[in-house]
Amino acid sequence: MPTRIRLQRKGKKNRPYYHIVIADSRSPRDGRYIERIGAYDPNQVPAFVELNFDRALEWYRKGAQPSDTCKAILSYRGVLYMDHLMRGVSKGAFNEEEAQRRFDMWLNEKNTKIEGKRKSVEEQAAKAEADRVAAETKKAADMAAALSAKLAQEGAAEAAAEEAAAEAATEEAPSTEEAPAAEAAAEEAPAAEAAPEEVPASEEKPAEDGGEEKKD
């Protein structure tokens, strides 16, 4: 029976993860499978890979054909390299102890690179978070400074307006006090003009006296 090493999709639509399975090459992509040998989550950084190394090597050596992604995963975890070393043992190039020594050395170097990449990713994420917090802090400080400046400007404008209103009220006060005096002077003027109209009464008295003298 032709078999394949492939991924079986799981998870949500926008955040999928995969099972690494051994399946009949004629079965649907997400259909029935023979054996599950691992898991793969590309959403993590670096990508999460769980693999049953021995079972993956056994199926691969039996002729199971991996998909492109699964082949990259097998190479990443050293399955393909171990298969290469085992072929060397079969040909008599070296013994199994030497093959295991070479594989262990390769695996140590691989793990060192993986750990270095993981630390680099974590440092970059921490730096990005620090930059984000600094940017938000600066933005908040700038907004607070702008608001303080605006409030100070509005306060100064209100104070200037109140001062101008007070000065205007002070300048108008004398004119309002002089108005009643002017009205009083205007009322006294007709009384002064009416006084000469009474003078003819005093002028008529000598005429009456003269008449009496003529009768004598």
N, C-alpha and C. Protein backbone atom coordinates (compact mmCIF):
# COMPACT_ATOMS: atom_id res chain seq x y z
N MET A 1 0.84 -1.20 0.00
CA MET A 1 0.00 0.00 0.00
C MET A 1 0.88 1.25 0.00
N PRO A 2 0.73 2.14 -0.99
CA PRO A 2 1.54 3.36 -1.00
C PRO A 2 1.12 4.28 0.14
N THR A 3 2.11 4.75 0.87
CA THR A 3 1.81 5.62 2.02
C THR A 3 2.52 6.96 1.86
N ARG A 4 1.96 7.93 2.57
CA ARG A 4 2.54 9.28 2.56
C ARG A 4 2.65 9.80 3.99
N ILE A 5 3.65 10.64 4.18
CA ILE A 5 3.78 11.39 5.44
C ILE A 5 3.28 12.80 5.12
N ARG A 6 2.18 13.18 5.73
CA ARG A 6 1.60 14.48 5.37
C ARG A 6 0.94 15.14 6.58
N LEU A 7 0.45 16.34 6.34
CA LEU A 7 -0.18 17.12 7.40
C LEU A 7 -1.69 16.96 7.35
N GLN A 8 -2.29 16.92 8.52
CA GLN A 8 -3.75 16.90 8.63
C GLN A 8 -4.16 18.16 9.41
N ARG A 9 -4.94 19.00 8.74
CA ARG A 9 -5.28 20.31 9.30
C ARG A 9 -6.20 20.19 10.51
N LYS A 10 -5.90 21.03 11.52
CA LYS A 10 -6.73 21.14 12.73
C LYS A 10 -6.81 22.62 13.11
N GLY A 11 -7.52 22.89 14.19
CA GLY A 11 -7.58 24.26 14.68
C GLY A 11 -8.62 25.12 13.99
N LYS A 12 -8.54 26.44 14.24
CA LYS A 12 -9.50 27.39 13.70
C LYS A 12 -9.10 27.82 12.30
N LYS A 13 -10.04 28.50 11.65
CA LYS A 13 -9.83 28.90 10.26
C LYS A 13 -8.64 29.84 10.12
N ASN A 14 -8.54 30.82 11.00
CA ASN A 14 -7.47 31.81 10.91
C ASN A 14 -6.24 31.44 11.72
N ARG A 15 -6.29 30.34 12.45
CA ARG A 15 -5.13 29.91 13.24
C ARG A 15 -5.04 28.39 13.23
N PRO A 16 -4.65 27.83 12.11
CA PRO A 16 -4.60 26.36 12.01
C PRO A 16 -3.32 25.79 12.61
N TYR A 17 -3.41 24.56 13.05
CA TYR A 17 -2.22 23.77 13.37
C TYR A 17 -2.44 22.40 12.73
N TYR A 18 -1.42 21.57 12.74
CA TYR A 18 -1.48 20.34 11.94
C TYR A 18 -0.98 19.13 12.73
N HIS A 19 -1.56 17.99 12.43
CA HIS A 19 -1.03 16.71 12.88
C HIS A 19 -0.18 16.13 11.75
N ILE A 20 0.94 15.54 12.12
CA ILE A 20 1.77 14.83 11.14
C ILE A 20 1.35 13.37 11.17
N VAL A 21 0.86 12.89 10.04
CA VAL A 21 0.26 11.55 10.02
C VAL A 21 0.84 10.70 8.89
N ILE A 22 0.71 9.41 9.08
CA ILE A 22 0.98 8.44 8.02
C ILE A 22 -0.37 8.02 7.46
N ALA A 23 -0.57 8.23 6.16
CA ALA A 23 -1.88 7.95 5.57
C ALA A 23 -1.71 7.27 4.22
N ASP A 24 -2.76 6.60 3.82
CA ASP A 24 -2.81 6.02 2.47
C ASP A 24 -2.81 7.18 1.47
N SER A 25 -1.96 7.09 0.49
CA SER A 25 -1.84 8.18 -0.49
C SER A 25 -3.13 8.41 -1.26
N ARG A 26 -4.05 7.44 -1.24
CA ARG A 26 -5.31 7.56 -1.98
C ARG A 26 -6.43 8.17 -1.14
N SER A 27 -6.21 8.34 0.16
CA SER A 27 -7.26 8.88 1.04
C SER A 27 -7.28 10.40 0.96
N PRO A 28 -8.44 11.01 1.28
CA PRO A 28 -8.52 12.48 1.26
C PRO A 28 -7.51 13.10 2.21
N ARG A 29 -7.24 14.38 1.99
CA ARG A 29 -6.19 15.06 2.76
C ARG A 29 -6.45 15.00 4.25
N ASP A 30 -7.68 15.31 4.67
CA ASP A 30 -8.02 15.31 6.09
C ASP A 30 -8.87 14.09 6.48
N GLY A 31 -8.74 13.03 5.70
CA GLY A 31 -9.52 11.82 5.98
C GLY A 31 -8.83 10.91 6.98
N ARG A 32 -9.12 9.63 6.86
CA ARG A 32 -8.56 8.65 7.79
C ARG A 32 -7.05 8.51 7.59
N TYR A 33 -6.36 8.18 8.67
CA TYR A 33 -4.92 7.99 8.59
C TYR A 33 -4.53 6.71 9.32
N ILE A 34 -3.32 6.25 9.07
CA ILE A 34 -2.84 5.00 9.66
C ILE A 34 -2.26 5.24 11.05
N GLU A 35 -1.45 6.29 11.16
CA GLU A 35 -0.78 6.56 12.43
C GLU A 35 -0.43 8.05 12.51
N ARG A 36 -0.56 8.58 13.69
CA ARG A 36 -0.13 9.96 13.93
C ARG A 36 1.26 9.92 14.56
N ILE A 37 2.21 10.67 13.97
CA ILE A 37 3.59 10.62 14.46
C ILE A 37 4.08 11.98 14.97
N GLY A 38 3.23 13.01 14.94
CA GLY A 38 3.70 14.30 15.43
C GLY A 38 2.69 15.41 15.24
N ALA A 39 3.15 16.63 15.51
CA ALA A 39 2.31 17.82 15.37
C ALA A 39 3.18 18.98 14.90
N TYR A 40 2.52 19.94 14.27
CA TYR A 40 3.24 21.09 13.70
C TYR A 40 2.36 22.33 13.85
N ASP A 41 2.92 23.38 14.47
CA ASP A 41 2.20 24.64 14.64
C ASP A 41 3.05 25.78 14.09
N PRO A 42 2.72 26.27 12.89
CA PRO A 42 3.52 27.34 12.28
C PRO A 42 3.23 28.72 12.86
N ASN A 43 2.23 28.83 13.74
CA ASN A 43 1.88 30.13 14.31
C ASN A 43 2.87 30.59 15.37
N GLN A 44 3.61 29.65 15.94
CA GLN A 44 4.59 30.01 16.95
C GLN A 44 5.91 30.41 16.29
N VAL A 45 6.72 31.18 17.02
CA VAL A 45 8.02 31.62 16.51
C VAL A 45 9.08 31.26 17.54
N PRO A 46 10.03 30.35 17.19
CA PRO A 46 10.03 29.55 15.95
C PRO A 46 8.89 28.54 15.96
N ALA A 47 8.64 27.96 14.79
CA ALA A 47 7.52 27.03 14.65
C ALA A 47 7.68 25.84 15.60
N PHE A 48 6.56 25.42 16.16
CA PHE A 48 6.56 24.27 17.08
C PHE A 48 6.48 22.98 16.29
N VAL A 49 7.40 22.06 16.59
CA VAL A 49 7.41 20.75 15.93
C VAL A 49 7.53 19.67 16.99
N GLU A 50 6.58 18.75 16.97
CA GLU A 50 6.64 17.57 17.82
C GLU A 50 6.69 16.35 16.90
N LEU A 51 7.68 15.49 17.09
CA LEU A 51 7.85 14.37 16.15
C LEU A 51 8.35 13.13 16.88
N ASN A 52 7.71 12.02 16.59
CA ASN A 52 8.21 10.72 17.06
C ASN A 52 9.33 10.31 16.09
N PHE A 53 10.56 10.58 16.52
CA PHE A 53 11.70 10.43 15.62
C PHE A 53 11.81 9.00 15.09
N ASP A 54 11.76 8.03 15.97
CA ASP A 54 11.97 6.63 15.56
C ASP A 54 10.90 6.16 14.58
N ARG A 55 9.63 6.51 14.86
CA ARG A 55 8.56 6.08 13.96
C ARG A 55 8.65 6.80 12.62
N ALA A 56 9.01 8.08 12.66
CA ALA A 56 9.16 8.82 11.40
C ALA A 56 10.28 8.21 10.56
N LEU A 57 11.42 7.87 11.21
CA LEU A 57 12.53 7.26 10.49
C LEU A 57 12.14 5.90 9.92
N GLU A 58 11.43 5.13 10.72
CA GLU A 58 11.02 3.80 10.26
C GLU A 58 10.10 3.89 9.05
N TRP A 59 9.09 4.75 9.10
CA TRP A 59 8.18 4.88 7.97
C TRP A 59 8.89 5.44 6.74
N TYR A 60 9.80 6.39 6.98
CA TYR A 60 10.52 6.96 5.85
C TYR A 60 11.39 5.91 5.17
N ARG A 61 12.05 5.06 5.98
CA ARG A 61 12.91 4.02 5.42
C ARG A 61 12.10 2.90 4.75
N LYS A 62 10.83 2.81 5.12
CA LYS A 62 9.95 1.83 4.46
C LYS A 62 9.44 2.33 3.11
N GLY A 63 9.68 3.61 2.84
CA GLY A 63 9.27 4.14 1.54
C GLY A 63 8.12 5.12 1.57
N ALA A 64 7.66 5.52 2.77
CA ALA A 64 6.59 6.53 2.84
C ALA A 64 7.11 7.85 2.28
N GLN A 65 6.35 8.44 1.38
CA GLN A 65 6.78 9.67 0.72
C GLN A 65 6.23 10.90 1.46
N PRO A 66 7.12 11.77 1.92
CA PRO A 66 6.64 12.96 2.64
C PRO A 66 6.21 14.06 1.67
N SER A 67 5.23 14.85 2.11
CA SER A 67 4.88 16.06 1.36
C SER A 67 6.03 17.06 1.50
N ASP A 68 5.96 18.14 0.75
CA ASP A 68 7.06 19.12 0.79
C ASP A 68 7.27 19.66 2.20
N THR A 69 6.17 20.03 2.86
CA THR A 69 6.30 20.57 4.22
C THR A 69 6.82 19.51 5.18
N CYS A 70 6.31 18.30 5.08
CA CYS A 70 6.76 17.23 5.97
C CYS A 70 8.22 16.87 5.71
N LYS A 71 8.65 16.95 4.47
CA LYS A 71 10.05 16.67 4.16
C LYS A 71 10.95 17.70 4.82
N ALA A 72 10.50 18.97 4.80
CA ALA A 72 11.27 20.03 5.47
C ALA A 72 11.31 19.78 6.98
N ILE A 73 10.21 19.32 7.55
CA ILE A 73 10.16 19.01 8.98
C ILE A 73 11.09 17.85 9.32
N LEU A 74 11.07 16.80 8.51
CA LEU A 74 11.95 15.65 8.74
C LEU A 74 13.42 16.05 8.64
N SER A 75 13.72 16.93 7.70
CA SER A 75 15.10 17.42 7.57
C SER A 75 15.48 18.27 8.78
N TYR A 76 14.55 19.10 9.22
CA TYR A 76 14.77 19.98 10.37
C TYR A 76 15.06 19.19 11.64
N ARG A 77 14.38 18.06 11.81
CA ARG A 77 14.56 17.25 13.01
C ARG A 77 15.62 16.17 12.85
N GLY A 78 16.26 16.07 11.68
CA GLY A 78 17.38 15.15 11.51
C GLY A 78 17.02 13.77 11.01
N VAL A 79 15.77 13.54 10.66
CA VAL A 79 15.37 12.21 10.18
C VAL A 79 16.08 11.89 8.87
N LEU A 80 16.13 12.85 7.97
CA LEU A 80 16.78 12.61 6.68
C LEU A 80 18.28 12.40 6.85
N TYR A 81 18.89 13.14 7.78
CA TYR A 81 20.32 12.98 8.01
C TYR A 81 20.62 11.61 8.61
N MET A 82 19.78 11.16 9.53
CA MET A 82 19.98 9.83 10.11
C MET A 82 19.80 8.75 9.05
N ASP A 83 18.85 8.93 8.15
CA ASP A 83 18.68 7.96 7.05
C ASP A 83 19.93 7.91 6.19
N HIS A 84 20.53 9.09 5.95
CA HIS A 84 21.77 9.14 5.18
C HIS A 84 22.89 8.39 5.91
N LEU A 85 22.99 8.59 7.23
CA LEU A 85 24.03 7.90 8.00
C LEU A 85 23.80 6.39 8.01
N MET A 86 22.57 5.97 8.11
CA MET A 86 22.27 4.54 8.12
C MET A 86 22.60 3.89 6.78
N ARG A 87 22.43 4.66 5.72
CA ARG A 87 22.83 4.14 4.41
C ARG A 87 24.35 3.95 4.36
N GLY A 88 25.07 4.87 5.01
CA GLY A 88 26.52 4.75 5.08
C GLY A 88 26.94 3.51 5.86
N VAL A 89 26.22 3.21 6.94
CA VAL A 89 26.50 2.01 7.72
C VAL A 89 26.24 0.77 6.88
N SER A 90 25.14 0.78 6.12
CA SER A 90 24.80 -0.38 5.27
C SER A 90 25.87 -0.63 4.22
N LYS A 91 26.49 0.44 3.75
CA LYS A 91 27.53 0.31 2.73
C LYS A 91 28.89 0.00 3.35
N GLY A 92 28.99 0.03 4.67
CA GLY A 92 30.25 -0.26 5.34
C GLY A 92 31.19 0.92 5.42
N ALA A 93 30.71 2.12 5.19
CA ALA A 93 31.56 3.31 5.27
C ALA A 93 31.99 3.57 6.71
N PHE A 94 31.14 3.29 7.67
CA PHE A 94 31.45 3.43 9.10
C PHE A 94 30.43 2.59 9.86
N ASN A 95 30.70 2.42 11.15
CA ASN A 95 29.81 1.58 11.96
C ASN A 95 28.70 2.43 12.60
N GLU A 96 27.83 1.77 13.33
CA GLU A 96 26.69 2.46 13.93
C GLU A 96 27.12 3.45 15.01
N GLU A 97 28.19 3.12 15.75
CA GLU A 97 28.68 4.03 16.78
C GLU A 97 29.14 5.35 16.17
N GLU A 98 29.84 5.26 15.05
CA GLU A 98 30.29 6.47 14.36
C GLU A 98 29.11 7.25 13.80
N ALA A 99 28.13 6.52 13.30
CA ALA A 99 26.94 7.18 12.78
C ALA A 99 26.22 7.94 13.90
N GLN A 100 26.12 7.31 15.07
CA GLN A 100 25.44 7.97 16.19
C GLN A 100 26.25 9.17 16.68
N ARG A 101 27.59 9.04 16.68
CA ARG A 101 28.43 10.16 17.11
C ARG A 101 28.25 11.35 16.19
N ARG A 102 28.24 11.10 14.89
CA ARG A 102 28.05 12.19 13.93
C ARG A 102 26.67 12.83 14.08
N PHE A 103 25.69 11.98 14.32
CA PHE A 103 24.34 12.53 14.46
C PHE A 103 24.23 13.38 15.73
N ASP A 104 24.81 12.90 16.83
CA ASP A 104 24.75 13.67 18.09
C ASP A 104 25.45 15.02 17.93
N MET A 105 26.58 15.04 17.23
CA MET A 105 27.29 16.29 17.01
C MET A 105 26.43 17.25 16.17
N TRP A 106 25.81 16.71 15.13
CA TRP A 106 24.93 17.53 14.29
C TRP A 106 23.75 18.06 15.10
N LEU A 107 23.18 17.19 15.95
CA LEU A 107 22.01 17.57 16.74
C LEU A 107 22.35 18.67 17.74
N ASN A 108 23.54 18.59 18.35
CA ASN A 108 23.96 19.63 19.29
C ASN A 108 24.10 20.98 18.59
N GLU A 109 24.71 20.96 17.42
CA GLU A 109 24.84 22.20 16.66
C GLU A 109 23.46 22.75 16.26
N LYS A 110 22.58 21.83 15.88
CA LYS A 110 21.23 22.24 15.49
C LYS A 110 20.49 22.87 16.66
N ASN A 111 20.58 22.23 17.82
CA ASN A 111 19.89 22.76 19.00
C ASN A 111 20.45 24.11 19.42
N THR A 112 21.77 24.29 19.25
CA THR A 112 22.38 25.58 19.57
C THR A 112 21.83 26.67 18.66
N LYS A 113 21.70 26.36 17.37
CA LYS A 113 21.15 27.33 16.43
C LYS A 113 19.69 27.65 16.76
N ILE A 114 18.94 26.60 17.10
CA ILE A 114 17.53 26.81 17.44
C ILE A 114 17.39 27.69 18.68
N GLU A 115 18.21 27.41 19.68
CA GLU A 115 18.15 28.20 20.91
C GLU A 115 18.56 29.64 20.65
N GLY A 116 19.58 29.83 19.81
CA GLY A 116 19.99 31.18 19.45
C GLY A 116 18.89 31.94 18.73
N LYS A 117 18.21 31.25 17.83
CA LYS A 117 17.11 31.89 17.11
C LYS A 117 15.97 32.22 18.06
N ARG A 118 15.69 31.31 18.99
CA ARG A 118 14.61 31.56 19.95
C ARG A 118 14.91 32.78 20.80
N LYS A 119 16.16 32.89 21.29
CA LYS A 119 16.54 34.04 22.09
C LYS A 119 16.47 35.33 21.28
N SER A 120 16.91 35.24 20.03
CA SER A 120 16.86 36.42 19.16
C SER A 120 15.42 36.88 18.95
N VAL A 121 14.54 35.93 18.74
CA VAL A 121 13.12 36.27 18.55
C VAL A 121 12.55 36.90 19.82
N GLU A 122 12.89 36.33 20.97
CA GLU A 122 12.40 36.87 22.24
C GLU A 122 12.94 38.28 22.48
N GLU A 123 14.23 38.50 22.17
CA GLU A 123 14.81 39.83 22.34
C GLU A 123 14.15 40.85 21.42
N GLN A 124 13.91 40.45 20.18
CA GLN A 124 13.25 41.35 19.24
C GLN A 124 11.83 41.67 19.70
N ALA A 125 11.14 40.65 20.21
CA ALA A 125 9.77 40.88 20.70
C ALA A 125 9.78 41.81 21.91
N ALA A 126 10.77 41.62 22.82
CA ALA A 126 10.87 42.48 23.99
C ALA A 126 11.19 43.92 23.59
N LYS A 127 12.10 44.07 22.61
CA LYS A 127 12.45 45.41 22.13
C LYS A 127 11.25 46.09 21.47
N ALA A 128 10.52 45.31 20.67
CA ALA A 128 9.33 45.87 20.01
C ALA A 128 8.30 46.32 21.04
N GLU A 129 8.13 45.52 22.09
CA GLU A 129 7.18 45.89 23.15
C GLU A 129 7.65 47.14 23.89
N ALA A 130 8.97 47.21 24.18
CA ALA A 130 9.50 48.39 24.85
C ALA A 130 9.34 49.64 23.99
N ASP A 131 9.59 49.51 22.69
CA ASP A 131 9.42 50.64 21.78
C ASP A 131 7.95 51.07 21.73
N ARG A 132 7.06 50.09 21.74
CA ARG A 132 5.62 50.42 21.70
C ARG A 132 5.20 51.18 22.95
N VAL A 133 5.66 50.69 24.12
CA VAL A 133 5.32 51.36 25.37
C VAL A 133 5.90 52.77 25.41
N ALA A 134 7.16 52.91 24.94
CA ALA A 134 7.79 54.23 24.92
C ALA A 134 7.03 55.19 24.00
N ALA A 135 6.61 54.68 22.85
CA ALA A 135 5.86 55.52 21.91
C ALA A 135 4.52 55.95 22.50
N GLU A 136 3.84 55.03 23.16
CA GLU A 136 2.55 55.37 23.78
C GLU A 136 2.75 56.36 24.93
N THR A 137 3.82 56.18 25.71
CA THR A 137 4.11 57.11 26.81
C THR A 137 4.40 58.50 26.28
N LYS A 138 5.20 58.59 25.21
CA LYS A 138 5.52 59.89 24.61
C LYS A 138 4.27 60.54 24.04
N LYS A 139 3.43 59.74 23.40
CA LYS A 139 2.19 60.28 22.84
C LYS A 139 1.30 60.85 23.93
N ALA A 140 1.18 60.11 25.04
CA ALA A 140 0.36 60.59 26.15
C ALA A 140 0.94 61.86 26.76
N ALA A 141 2.28 61.91 26.89
CA ALA A 141 2.92 63.11 27.43
C ALA A 141 2.72 64.31 26.51
N ASP A 142 2.85 64.10 25.20
CA ASP A 142 2.63 65.19 24.24
C ASP A 142 1.19 65.68 24.30
N MET A 143 0.24 64.76 24.41
CA MET A 143 -1.16 65.16 24.49
C MET A 143 -1.43 65.95 25.77
N ALA A 144 -0.83 65.52 26.88
CA ALA A 144 -1.01 66.23 28.14
C ALA A 144 -0.40 67.62 28.08
N ALA A 145 0.79 67.74 27.46
CA ALA A 145 1.44 69.04 27.32
C ALA A 145 0.62 69.97 26.44
N ALA A 146 0.09 69.43 25.34
CA ALA A 146 -0.73 70.24 24.45
C ALA A 146 -2.00 70.71 25.15
N LEU A 147 -2.61 69.83 25.94
CA LEU A 147 -3.82 70.20 26.67
C LEU A 147 -3.52 71.26 27.71
N SER A 148 -2.40 71.12 28.42
CA SER A 148 -2.01 72.12 29.42
C SER A 148 -1.77 73.47 28.77
N ALA A 149 -1.09 73.47 27.62
CA ALA A 149 -0.83 74.72 26.91
C ALA A 149 -2.14 75.37 26.45
N LYS A 150 -3.06 74.56 25.97
CA LYS A 150 -4.35 75.08 25.52
C LYS A 150 -5.13 75.68 26.68
N LEU A 151 -5.16 74.97 27.81
CA LEU A 151 -5.87 75.49 28.98
C LEU A 151 -5.22 76.77 29.49
N ALA A 152 -3.89 76.83 29.48
CA ALA A 152 -3.19 78.03 29.92
C ALA A 152 -3.51 79.20 29.00
N GLN A 153 -3.54 78.95 27.69
CA GLN A 153 -3.86 80.00 26.73
C GLN A 153 -5.30 80.49 26.92
N GLU A 154 -6.22 79.55 27.11
CA GLU A 154 -7.61 79.95 27.34
C GLU A 154 -7.75 80.73 28.64
N GLY A 155 -7.02 80.31 29.69
CA GLY A 155 -7.07 81.03 30.95
C GLY A 155 -6.53 82.44 30.82
N ALA A 156 -5.42 82.59 30.07
CA ALA A 156 -4.85 83.92 29.85
C ALA A 156 -5.81 84.80 29.07
N ALA A 157 -6.48 84.23 28.07
CA ALA A 157 -7.44 85.01 27.28
C ALA A 157 -8.62 85.45 28.14
N GLU A 158 -9.12 84.57 29.00
CA GLU A 158 -10.23 84.93 29.88
C GLU A 158 -9.80 86.02 30.86
N ALA A 159 -8.58 85.90 31.41
CA ALA A 159 -8.10 86.92 32.34
C ALA A 159 -7.97 88.27 31.66
N ALA A 160 -7.45 88.27 30.42
CA ALA A 160 -7.31 89.52 29.67
C ALA A 160 -8.68 90.13 29.38
N ALA A 161 -9.66 89.29 29.04
CA ALA A 161 -11.00 89.79 28.76
C ALA A 161 -11.63 90.38 30.02
N GLU A 162 -11.45 89.72 31.15
CA GLU A 162 -11.99 90.25 32.41
C GLU A 162 -11.31 91.57 32.78
N GLU A 163 -10.01 91.67 32.57
CA GLU A 163 -9.29 92.90 32.88
C GLU A 163 -9.75 94.05 31.99
N ALA A 164 -9.95 93.74 30.70
CA ALA A 164 -10.43 94.78 29.78
C ALA A 164 -11.83 95.23 30.16
N ALA A 165 -12.69 94.30 30.56
CA ALA A 165 -14.04 94.66 30.97
C ALA A 165 -14.02 95.53 32.22
N ALA A 166 -13.13 95.20 33.16
CA ALA A 166 -13.02 96.00 34.38
C ALA A 166 -12.54 97.41 34.07
N GLU A 167 -11.56 97.56 33.18
CA GLU A 167 -11.07 98.88 32.80
C GLU A 167 -12.15 99.70 32.11
N ALA A 168 -12.92 99.05 31.24
CA ALA A 168 -14.00 99.75 30.55
C ALA A 168 -15.05 100.23 31.54
N ALA A 169 -15.38 99.42 32.54
CA ALA A 169 -16.36 99.82 33.54
C ALA A 169 -15.85 100.99 34.36
N THR A 170 -14.54 101.01 34.65
CA THR A 170 -13.96 102.11 35.42
C THR A 170 -14.00 103.42 34.64
N GLU A 171 -13.74 103.36 33.34
CA GLU A 171 -13.76 104.56 32.51
C GLU A 171 -15.17 105.11 32.33
N GLU A 172 -16.19 104.30 32.31
CA GLU A 172 -17.56 104.74 32.10
C GLU A 172 -18.21 105.26 33.37
N ALA A 173 -17.69 104.98 34.53
CA ALA A 173 -18.30 105.38 35.79
C ALA A 173 -18.47 106.89 35.93
N PRO A 174 -17.48 107.82 35.68
CA PRO A 174 -17.66 109.28 35.83
C PRO A 174 -18.75 109.84 34.93
N SER A 175 -18.85 109.42 33.72
CA SER A 175 -19.85 109.95 32.79
C SER A 175 -21.25 109.63 33.28
N THR A 176 -21.42 108.49 33.90
CA THR A 176 -22.75 108.14 34.41
C THR A 176 -23.10 108.98 35.62
N GLU A 177 -22.08 109.40 36.41
CA GLU A 177 -22.35 110.24 37.57
C GLU A 177 -22.64 111.68 37.17
N GLU A 178 -22.06 112.18 36.08
CA GLU A 178 -22.27 113.54 35.64
C GLU A 178 -23.62 113.73 34.99
N ALA A 179 -24.22 112.66 34.53
CA ALA A 179 -25.50 112.78 33.82
C ALA A 179 -26.59 113.39 34.69
N PRO A 180 -26.81 113.01 35.95
CA PRO A 180 -27.85 113.65 36.77
C PRO A 180 -27.58 115.13 36.98
N ALA A 181 -26.31 115.54 37.12
CA ALA A 181 -25.99 116.96 37.30
C ALA A 181 -26.37 117.75 36.08
N ALA A 182 -26.12 117.18 34.91
CA ALA A 182 -26.48 117.88 33.67
C ALA A 182 -27.98 118.01 33.56
N GLU A 183 -28.72 116.98 33.98
CA GLU A 183 -30.17 117.04 33.93
C GLU A 183 -30.70 118.08 34.91
N ALA A 184 -30.08 118.19 36.09
CA ALA A 184 -30.50 119.19 37.08
C ALA A 184 -30.27 120.59 36.55
N ALA A 185 -29.14 120.81 35.87
CA ALA A 185 -28.85 122.13 35.29
C ALA A 185 -29.85 122.47 34.22
N ALA A 186 -30.24 121.45 33.44
CA ALA A 186 -31.23 121.69 32.38
C ALA A 186 -32.59 122.05 32.97
N GLU A 187 -32.95 121.50 34.13
CA GLU A 187 -34.23 121.82 34.76
C GLU A 187 -34.22 123.22 35.36
N GLU A 188 -33.06 123.68 35.85
CA GLU A 188 -32.97 125.01 36.45
C GLU A 188 -33.01 126.11 35.41
N ALA A 189 -32.62 125.81 34.18
CA ALA A 189 -32.56 126.85 33.14
C ALA A 189 -33.93 127.44 32.85
N PRO A 190 -35.02 126.72 32.68
CA PRO A 190 -36.34 127.32 32.44
C PRO A 190 -36.78 128.21 33.59
N ALA A 191 -36.46 127.85 34.83
CA ALA A 191 -36.84 128.68 35.97
C ALA A 191 -36.18 130.03 35.90
N ALA A 192 -34.93 130.08 35.47
CA ALA A 192 -34.21 131.35 35.34
C ALA A 192 -34.80 132.20 34.24
N GLU A 193 -35.28 131.56 33.16
CA GLU A 193 -35.88 132.30 32.06
C GLU A 193 -37.26 132.83 32.45
N ALA A 194 -37.96 132.16 33.34
CA ALA A 194 -39.30 132.60 33.75
C ALA A 194 -39.26 133.80 34.66
N ALA A 195 -38.20 134.08 35.34
CA ALA A 195 -38.09 135.20 36.28
C ALA A 195 -38.32 136.55 35.62
N PRO A 196 -37.78 136.93 34.46
CA PRO A 196 -38.02 138.26 33.84
C PRO A 196 -39.46 138.48 33.47
N GLU A 197 -40.28 137.46 33.24
CA GLU A 197 -41.67 137.65 32.86
C GLU A 197 -42.49 138.28 33.98
N GLU A 198 -42.05 138.24 35.22
CA GLU A 198 -42.76 138.81 36.34
C GLU A 198 -42.43 140.28 36.57
N VAL A 199 -41.41 140.79 35.85
CA VAL A 199 -40.97 142.18 36.06
C VAL A 199 -42.05 143.19 35.72
N PRO A 200 -42.87 143.12 34.67
CA PRO A 200 -43.89 144.13 34.35
C PRO A 200 -44.83 144.39 35.50
N ALA A 201 -45.10 143.49 36.34
CA ALA A 201 -45.99 143.73 37.47
C ALA A 201 -45.43 144.78 38.38
N SER A 202 -44.16 144.81 38.59
CA SER A 202 -43.53 145.81 39.45
C SER A 202 -43.47 147.15 38.75
N GLU A 203 -43.47 147.16 37.42
CA GLU A 203 -43.42 148.42 36.67
C GLU A 203 -44.77 149.11 36.65
N GLU A 204 -45.89 148.41 36.86
CA GLU A 204 -47.21 149.02 36.81
C GLU A 204 -47.52 149.84 38.05
N LYS A 205 -46.92 149.65 39.16
CA LYS A 205 -47.21 150.37 40.39
C LYS A 205 -46.96 151.87 40.29
N PRO A 206 -45.89 152.39 39.71
CA PRO A 206 -45.70 153.86 39.62
C PRO A 206 -46.81 154.50 38.80
N ALA A 207 -47.34 153.82 37.82
CA ALA A 207 -48.40 154.41 37.00
C ALA A 207 -49.64 154.64 37.83
N GLU A 208 -49.98 153.74 38.70
CA GLU A 208 -51.13 153.90 39.57
C GLU A 208 -50.94 155.06 40.52
N ASP A 209 -49.75 155.25 41.03
CA ASP A 209 -49.46 156.36 41.96
C ASP A 209 -49.64 157.69 41.26
N GLY A 210 -49.24 157.80 40.04
CA GLY A 210 -49.35 159.06 39.29
C GLY A 210 -50.78 159.46 39.08
N GLY A 211 -51.65 158.52 38.91
CA GLY A 211 -53.06 158.82 38.69
C GLY A 211 -53.71 159.40 39.91
N GLU A 212 -53.37 158.91 41.00
CA GLU A 212 -53.92 159.41 42.24
C GLU A 212 -53.51 160.83 42.50
N GLU A 213 -52.30 161.22 42.12
CA GLU A 213 -51.82 162.57 42.35
C GLU A 213 -52.57 163.57 41.49
N LYS A 214 -52.95 163.17 40.26
CA LYS A 214 -53.67 164.08 39.39
C LYS A 214 -55.06 164.37 39.94
N LYS A 215 -55.72 163.45 40.60
CA LYS A 215 -57.02 163.71 41.20
C LYS A 215 -56.96 164.77 42.27
N ASP A 216 -55.95 164.90 42.99
CA ASP A 216 -55.83 165.93 44.00
C ASP A 216 -55.72 167.28 43.35
